[in-house]
Amino acid sequence: MYVRLGTNSKSGPVAGVFPKRPSVGFLAVGFVLLNVVDICLTAFIFQHGGYELNPLIRAALRLGLPTAVCLKVGASAVFAWVLYRFRREEALKVAAALISGVCLFNVVGLTVLSG
């Protein structure tokens, strides 16, 4: 819960208690989980002859899967927290949609490698 100042057309400024939207929190957690799925799919593809396009993750994967997972999850968690903290729901929706596309791209890559 947080207190927000608003306006009332009849009486002017008012203070009220408004609940935080739980959907934004679920969206932030979903974004981080999608990043976990992404790094796991990427690691699998990388180990089976695929190529990582992101140079930072490629370097992290060369250092080992735990390093890559920590880097990916840590960065995505900080990013999601900042968007959640400053109530940037639309930006979080775009970020979740983009990482969903990346996961879909990885699934397509898996089908190409297995075919």
N, C-alpha and C. Protein backbone atom coordinates (compact mmCIF):
# COMPACT_ATOMS: atom_id res chain seq x y z
N MET A 1 0.84 -1.17 0.00
CA MET A 1 0.00 0.00 0.00
C MET A 1 0.89 1.24 0.00
N TYR A 2 0.42 2.26 -0.63
CA TYR A 2 1.14 3.51 -0.62
C TYR A 2 0.15 4.65 -0.61
N VAL A 3 0.61 5.80 -0.16
CA VAL A 3 -0.24 6.99 -0.11
C VAL A 3 0.07 7.82 -1.34
N ARG A 4 -0.99 8.26 -1.98
CA ARG A 4 -0.82 9.06 -3.18
C ARG A 4 -1.70 10.28 -3.06
N LEU A 5 -1.14 11.42 -3.44
CA LEU A 5 -1.94 12.63 -3.50
C LEU A 5 -2.66 12.66 -4.82
N GLY A 6 -3.88 13.05 -4.79
CA GLY A 6 -4.66 13.15 -6.01
C GLY A 6 -5.51 14.40 -5.96
N THR A 7 -6.40 14.51 -6.89
CA THR A 7 -7.30 15.66 -6.90
C THR A 7 -8.73 15.16 -6.97
N ASN A 8 -9.57 15.90 -6.35
CA ASN A 8 -10.99 15.65 -6.40
C ASN A 8 -11.60 16.87 -7.06
N SER A 9 -12.43 16.67 -8.03
CA SER A 9 -12.97 17.80 -8.78
C SER A 9 -13.79 18.74 -7.91
N LYS A 10 -14.33 18.24 -6.80
CA LYS A 10 -15.16 19.08 -5.94
C LYS A 10 -14.35 19.77 -4.84
N SER A 11 -13.42 19.05 -4.22
CA SER A 11 -12.76 19.61 -3.05
C SER A 11 -11.27 19.88 -3.23
N GLY A 12 -10.70 19.64 -4.39
CA GLY A 12 -9.28 19.91 -4.62
C GLY A 12 -8.41 18.73 -4.25
N PRO A 13 -7.15 18.99 -3.81
CA PRO A 13 -6.22 17.90 -3.50
C PRO A 13 -6.71 17.02 -2.36
N VAL A 14 -6.53 15.72 -2.50
CA VAL A 14 -6.89 14.76 -1.45
C VAL A 14 -5.79 13.72 -1.36
N ALA A 15 -5.65 13.15 -0.18
CA ALA A 15 -4.71 12.05 0.01
C ALA A 15 -5.52 10.78 0.15
N GLY A 16 -5.05 9.71 -0.43
CA GLY A 16 -5.76 8.45 -0.33
C GLY A 16 -4.78 7.30 -0.28
N VAL A 17 -5.23 6.18 0.19
CA VAL A 17 -4.41 4.98 0.22
C VAL A 17 -4.88 4.08 -0.91
N PHE A 18 -3.96 3.77 -1.80
CA PHE A 18 -4.28 2.96 -2.96
C PHE A 18 -3.40 1.72 -2.94
N PRO A 19 -3.96 0.55 -3.18
CA PRO A 19 -3.13 -0.66 -3.19
C PRO A 19 -2.25 -0.69 -4.44
N LYS A 20 -1.03 -1.23 -4.28
CA LYS A 20 -0.20 -1.46 -5.45
C LYS A 20 -0.85 -2.54 -6.29
N ARG A 21 -0.71 -2.44 -7.57
CA ARG A 21 -1.32 -3.43 -8.46
C ARG A 21 -0.50 -4.71 -8.41
N PRO A 22 -1.10 -5.80 -7.94
CA PRO A 22 -0.33 -7.05 -7.85
C PRO A 22 0.10 -7.58 -9.20
N SER A 23 -0.60 -7.21 -10.26
CA SER A 23 -0.23 -7.70 -11.59
C SER A 23 1.16 -7.23 -11.99
N VAL A 24 1.57 -6.07 -11.53
CA VAL A 24 2.91 -5.56 -11.86
C VAL A 24 3.98 -6.43 -11.20
N GLY A 25 3.73 -6.86 -9.97
CA GLY A 25 4.67 -7.74 -9.29
C GLY A 25 4.77 -9.09 -9.98
N PHE A 26 3.62 -9.64 -10.37
CA PHE A 26 3.63 -10.91 -11.10
C PHE A 26 4.35 -10.77 -12.44
N LEU A 27 4.17 -9.63 -13.07
CA LEU A 27 4.83 -9.37 -14.35
C LEU A 27 6.35 -9.29 -14.16
N ALA A 28 6.78 -8.65 -13.08
CA ALA A 28 8.22 -8.56 -12.80
C ALA A 28 8.82 -9.94 -12.53
N VAL A 29 8.13 -10.75 -11.74
CA VAL A 29 8.61 -12.10 -11.46
C VAL A 29 8.60 -12.94 -12.73
N GLY A 30 7.53 -12.80 -13.53
CA GLY A 30 7.46 -13.51 -14.81
C GLY A 30 8.59 -13.13 -15.74
N PHE A 31 8.96 -11.85 -15.75
CA PHE A 31 10.07 -11.39 -16.58
C PHE A 31 11.37 -12.07 -16.16
N VAL A 32 11.61 -12.15 -14.87
CA VAL A 32 12.84 -12.79 -14.38
C VAL A 32 12.82 -14.29 -14.71
N LEU A 33 11.68 -14.93 -14.53
CA LEU A 33 11.58 -16.37 -14.85
C LEU A 33 11.78 -16.62 -16.34
N LEU A 34 11.25 -15.75 -17.18
CA LEU A 34 11.50 -15.89 -18.62
C LEU A 34 12.98 -15.74 -18.95
N ASN A 35 13.68 -14.92 -18.22
CA ASN A 35 15.12 -14.79 -18.42
C ASN A 35 15.85 -16.06 -18.00
N VAL A 36 15.35 -16.73 -16.96
CA VAL A 36 15.93 -18.02 -16.55
C VAL A 36 15.71 -19.05 -17.66
N VAL A 37 14.50 -19.09 -18.20
CA VAL A 37 14.21 -20.00 -19.32
C VAL A 37 15.13 -19.69 -20.49
N ASP A 38 15.30 -18.40 -20.78
CA ASP A 38 16.16 -17.98 -21.89
C ASP A 38 17.59 -18.47 -21.71
N ILE A 39 18.17 -18.29 -20.54
CA ILE A 39 19.57 -18.67 -20.35
C ILE A 39 19.71 -20.19 -20.37
N CYS A 40 18.72 -20.91 -19.87
CA CYS A 40 18.79 -22.38 -19.92
C CYS A 40 18.71 -22.88 -21.36
N LEU A 41 17.78 -22.33 -22.14
CA LEU A 41 17.68 -22.71 -23.55
C LEU A 41 18.95 -22.32 -24.31
N THR A 42 19.45 -21.13 -24.02
CA THR A 42 20.67 -20.66 -24.69
C THR A 42 21.85 -21.58 -24.36
N ALA A 43 21.98 -21.96 -23.10
CA ALA A 43 23.08 -22.84 -22.71
C ALA A 43 22.98 -24.19 -23.42
N PHE A 44 21.78 -24.72 -23.52
CA PHE A 44 21.58 -25.99 -24.20
C PHE A 44 21.96 -25.89 -25.67
N ILE A 45 21.49 -24.83 -26.31
CA ILE A 45 21.82 -24.61 -27.73
C ILE A 45 23.33 -24.41 -27.90
N PHE A 46 23.92 -23.63 -27.01
CA PHE A 46 25.36 -23.35 -27.08
C PHE A 46 26.17 -24.63 -26.94
N GLN A 47 25.76 -25.52 -26.03
CA GLN A 47 26.48 -26.77 -25.82
C GLN A 47 26.32 -27.76 -26.97
N HIS A 48 25.30 -27.56 -27.80
CA HIS A 48 25.05 -28.46 -28.92
C HIS A 48 25.39 -27.82 -30.26
N GLY A 49 26.32 -26.90 -30.24
CA GLY A 49 26.83 -26.35 -31.50
C GLY A 49 26.19 -25.06 -31.95
N GLY A 50 25.28 -24.52 -31.17
CA GLY A 50 24.66 -23.24 -31.54
C GLY A 50 25.57 -22.08 -31.20
N TYR A 51 25.11 -20.90 -31.53
CA TYR A 51 25.91 -19.69 -31.35
C TYR A 51 25.09 -18.66 -30.58
N GLU A 52 25.69 -18.07 -29.57
CA GLU A 52 25.03 -17.01 -28.79
C GLU A 52 25.30 -15.67 -29.45
N LEU A 53 24.24 -14.93 -29.73
CA LEU A 53 24.39 -13.64 -30.39
C LEU A 53 24.82 -12.53 -29.45
N ASN A 54 24.42 -12.62 -28.18
CA ASN A 54 24.77 -11.60 -27.20
C ASN A 54 26.20 -11.82 -26.72
N PRO A 55 27.11 -10.87 -26.98
CA PRO A 55 28.52 -11.08 -26.61
C PRO A 55 28.75 -11.20 -25.10
N LEU A 56 27.95 -10.53 -24.29
CA LEU A 56 28.14 -10.64 -22.84
C LEU A 56 27.76 -12.03 -22.34
N ILE A 57 26.65 -12.54 -22.80
CA ILE A 57 26.22 -13.87 -22.38
C ILE A 57 27.15 -14.93 -22.98
N ARG A 58 27.61 -14.72 -24.21
CA ARG A 58 28.55 -15.66 -24.83
C ARG A 58 29.82 -15.77 -23.98
N ALA A 59 30.34 -14.63 -23.53
CA ALA A 59 31.54 -14.64 -22.68
C ALA A 59 31.24 -15.30 -21.33
N ALA A 60 30.06 -15.03 -20.77
CA ALA A 60 29.69 -15.63 -19.49
C ALA A 60 29.53 -17.15 -19.63
N LEU A 61 28.96 -17.60 -20.75
CA LEU A 61 28.82 -19.04 -20.97
C LEU A 61 30.17 -19.73 -21.09
N ARG A 62 31.15 -19.04 -21.61
CA ARG A 62 32.49 -19.62 -21.68
C ARG A 62 33.10 -19.78 -20.29
N LEU A 63 32.66 -18.94 -19.36
CA LEU A 63 33.13 -19.06 -17.98
C LEU A 63 32.38 -20.13 -17.20
N GLY A 64 31.28 -20.58 -17.74
CA GLY A 64 30.49 -21.63 -17.10
C GLY A 64 29.03 -21.22 -16.96
N LEU A 65 28.19 -22.23 -16.91
CA LEU A 65 26.75 -21.99 -16.81
C LEU A 65 26.36 -21.25 -15.53
N PRO A 66 26.92 -21.59 -14.36
CA PRO A 66 26.53 -20.84 -13.16
C PRO A 66 26.82 -19.34 -13.26
N THR A 67 27.95 -18.99 -13.86
CA THR A 67 28.30 -17.58 -14.06
C THR A 67 27.29 -16.91 -14.97
N ALA A 68 26.92 -17.56 -16.06
CA ALA A 68 25.96 -16.99 -16.99
C ALA A 68 24.59 -16.83 -16.36
N VAL A 69 24.17 -17.83 -15.59
CA VAL A 69 22.86 -17.76 -14.93
C VAL A 69 22.85 -16.61 -13.91
N CYS A 70 23.90 -16.50 -13.13
CA CYS A 70 23.98 -15.41 -12.13
C CYS A 70 23.95 -14.05 -12.80
N LEU A 71 24.69 -13.90 -13.88
CA LEU A 71 24.72 -12.63 -14.60
C LEU A 71 23.34 -12.30 -15.18
N LYS A 72 22.74 -13.26 -15.84
CA LYS A 72 21.44 -13.05 -16.49
C LYS A 72 20.34 -12.79 -15.47
N VAL A 73 20.26 -13.62 -14.44
CA VAL A 73 19.22 -13.46 -13.43
C VAL A 73 19.43 -12.17 -12.62
N GLY A 74 20.68 -11.90 -12.27
CA GLY A 74 20.96 -10.67 -11.52
C GLY A 74 20.59 -9.42 -12.29
N ALA A 75 21.00 -9.36 -13.55
CA ALA A 75 20.70 -8.18 -14.37
C ALA A 75 19.20 -8.04 -14.60
N SER A 76 18.53 -9.14 -14.89
CA SER A 76 17.09 -9.06 -15.15
C SER A 76 16.32 -8.73 -13.88
N ALA A 77 16.76 -9.22 -12.74
CA ALA A 77 16.09 -8.92 -11.47
C ALA A 77 16.24 -7.44 -11.12
N VAL A 78 17.42 -6.89 -11.31
CA VAL A 78 17.62 -5.46 -11.04
C VAL A 78 16.76 -4.62 -11.98
N PHE A 79 16.77 -4.98 -13.25
CA PHE A 79 15.96 -4.27 -14.25
C PHE A 79 14.48 -4.33 -13.90
N ALA A 80 13.99 -5.52 -13.56
CA ALA A 80 12.57 -5.69 -13.21
C ALA A 80 12.23 -4.92 -11.94
N TRP A 81 13.13 -4.93 -10.96
CA TRP A 81 12.88 -4.21 -9.72
C TRP A 81 12.77 -2.71 -9.97
N VAL A 82 13.68 -2.18 -10.78
CA VAL A 82 13.63 -0.75 -11.08
C VAL A 82 12.32 -0.39 -11.77
N LEU A 83 11.91 -1.18 -12.75
CA LEU A 83 10.64 -0.90 -13.43
C LEU A 83 9.46 -1.06 -12.47
N TYR A 84 9.51 -2.06 -11.60
CA TYR A 84 8.44 -2.25 -10.61
C TYR A 84 8.41 -1.10 -9.61
N ARG A 85 9.58 -0.74 -9.13
CA ARG A 85 9.69 0.31 -8.09
C ARG A 85 9.14 1.64 -8.59
N PHE A 86 9.42 1.97 -9.84
CA PHE A 86 8.96 3.23 -10.40
C PHE A 86 7.67 3.09 -11.21
N ARG A 87 6.99 1.95 -11.01
CA ARG A 87 5.68 1.67 -11.59
C ARG A 87 5.65 1.92 -13.10
N ARG A 88 6.62 1.36 -13.80
CA ARG A 88 6.69 1.44 -15.25
C ARG A 88 6.11 0.16 -15.85
N GLU A 89 4.81 -0.02 -15.64
CA GLU A 89 4.14 -1.25 -16.05
C GLU A 89 4.23 -1.47 -17.55
N GLU A 90 4.06 -0.41 -18.32
CA GLU A 90 4.10 -0.57 -19.78
C GLU A 90 5.49 -1.01 -20.25
N ALA A 91 6.53 -0.44 -19.68
CA ALA A 91 7.89 -0.84 -20.05
C ALA A 91 8.15 -2.29 -19.66
N LEU A 92 7.62 -2.70 -18.52
CA LEU A 92 7.77 -4.08 -18.08
C LEU A 92 7.03 -5.03 -19.01
N LYS A 93 5.87 -4.62 -19.50
CA LYS A 93 5.13 -5.43 -20.46
C LYS A 93 5.92 -5.59 -21.76
N VAL A 94 6.53 -4.51 -22.23
CA VAL A 94 7.34 -4.57 -23.45
C VAL A 94 8.55 -5.48 -23.24
N ALA A 95 9.22 -5.34 -22.10
CA ALA A 95 10.39 -6.17 -21.80
C ALA A 95 10.00 -7.65 -21.72
N ALA A 96 8.85 -7.94 -21.09
CA ALA A 96 8.40 -9.33 -21.00
C ALA A 96 8.04 -9.88 -22.39
N ALA A 97 7.44 -9.05 -23.22
CA ALA A 97 7.11 -9.48 -24.58
C ALA A 97 8.38 -9.76 -25.38
N LEU A 98 9.39 -8.90 -25.22
CA LEU A 98 10.65 -9.10 -25.95
C LEU A 98 11.36 -10.37 -25.51
N ILE A 99 11.43 -10.61 -24.21
CA ILE A 99 12.12 -11.82 -23.75
C ILE A 99 11.31 -13.07 -24.11
N SER A 100 9.99 -12.93 -24.20
CA SER A 100 9.17 -14.05 -24.69
C SER A 100 9.53 -14.38 -26.14
N GLY A 101 9.74 -13.33 -26.93
CA GLY A 101 10.17 -13.54 -28.32
C GLY A 101 11.53 -14.20 -28.40
N VAL A 102 12.43 -13.81 -27.51
CA VAL A 102 13.76 -14.43 -27.48
C VAL A 102 13.64 -15.91 -27.12
N CYS A 103 12.79 -16.23 -26.15
CA CYS A 103 12.58 -17.65 -25.79
C CYS A 103 12.00 -18.42 -26.96
N LEU A 104 11.07 -17.83 -27.67
CA LEU A 104 10.50 -18.48 -28.85
C LEU A 104 11.57 -18.70 -29.92
N PHE A 105 12.43 -17.70 -30.10
CA PHE A 105 13.55 -17.83 -31.05
C PHE A 105 14.46 -18.98 -30.65
N ASN A 106 14.70 -19.14 -29.34
CA ASN A 106 15.53 -20.24 -28.85
C ASN A 106 14.87 -21.59 -29.11
N VAL A 107 13.56 -21.66 -28.95
CA VAL A 107 12.84 -22.92 -29.22
C VAL A 107 12.96 -23.26 -30.70
N VAL A 108 12.85 -22.27 -31.55
CA VAL A 108 13.02 -22.50 -32.99
C VAL A 108 14.45 -22.98 -33.26
N GLY A 109 15.42 -22.39 -32.59
CA GLY A 109 16.80 -22.83 -32.73
C GLY A 109 16.99 -24.28 -32.30
N LEU A 110 16.30 -24.67 -31.24
CA LEU A 110 16.36 -26.07 -30.79
C LEU A 110 15.80 -27.01 -31.85
N THR A 111 14.71 -26.62 -32.47
CA THR A 111 14.12 -27.50 -33.50
C THR A 111 15.03 -27.60 -34.71
N VAL A 112 15.72 -26.52 -35.04
CA VAL A 112 16.65 -26.58 -36.17
C VAL A 112 17.83 -27.49 -35.85
N LEU A 113 18.36 -27.38 -34.62
CA LEU A 113 19.51 -28.21 -34.23
C LEU A 113 19.13 -29.69 -34.15
N SER A 114 17.91 -29.97 -33.72
CA SER A 114 17.50 -31.37 -33.58
C SER A 114 17.03 -31.99 -34.88
N GLY A 115 16.73 -31.15 -35.86
CA GLY A 115 16.19 -31.64 -37.14
C GLY A 115 17.25 -32.02 -38.06
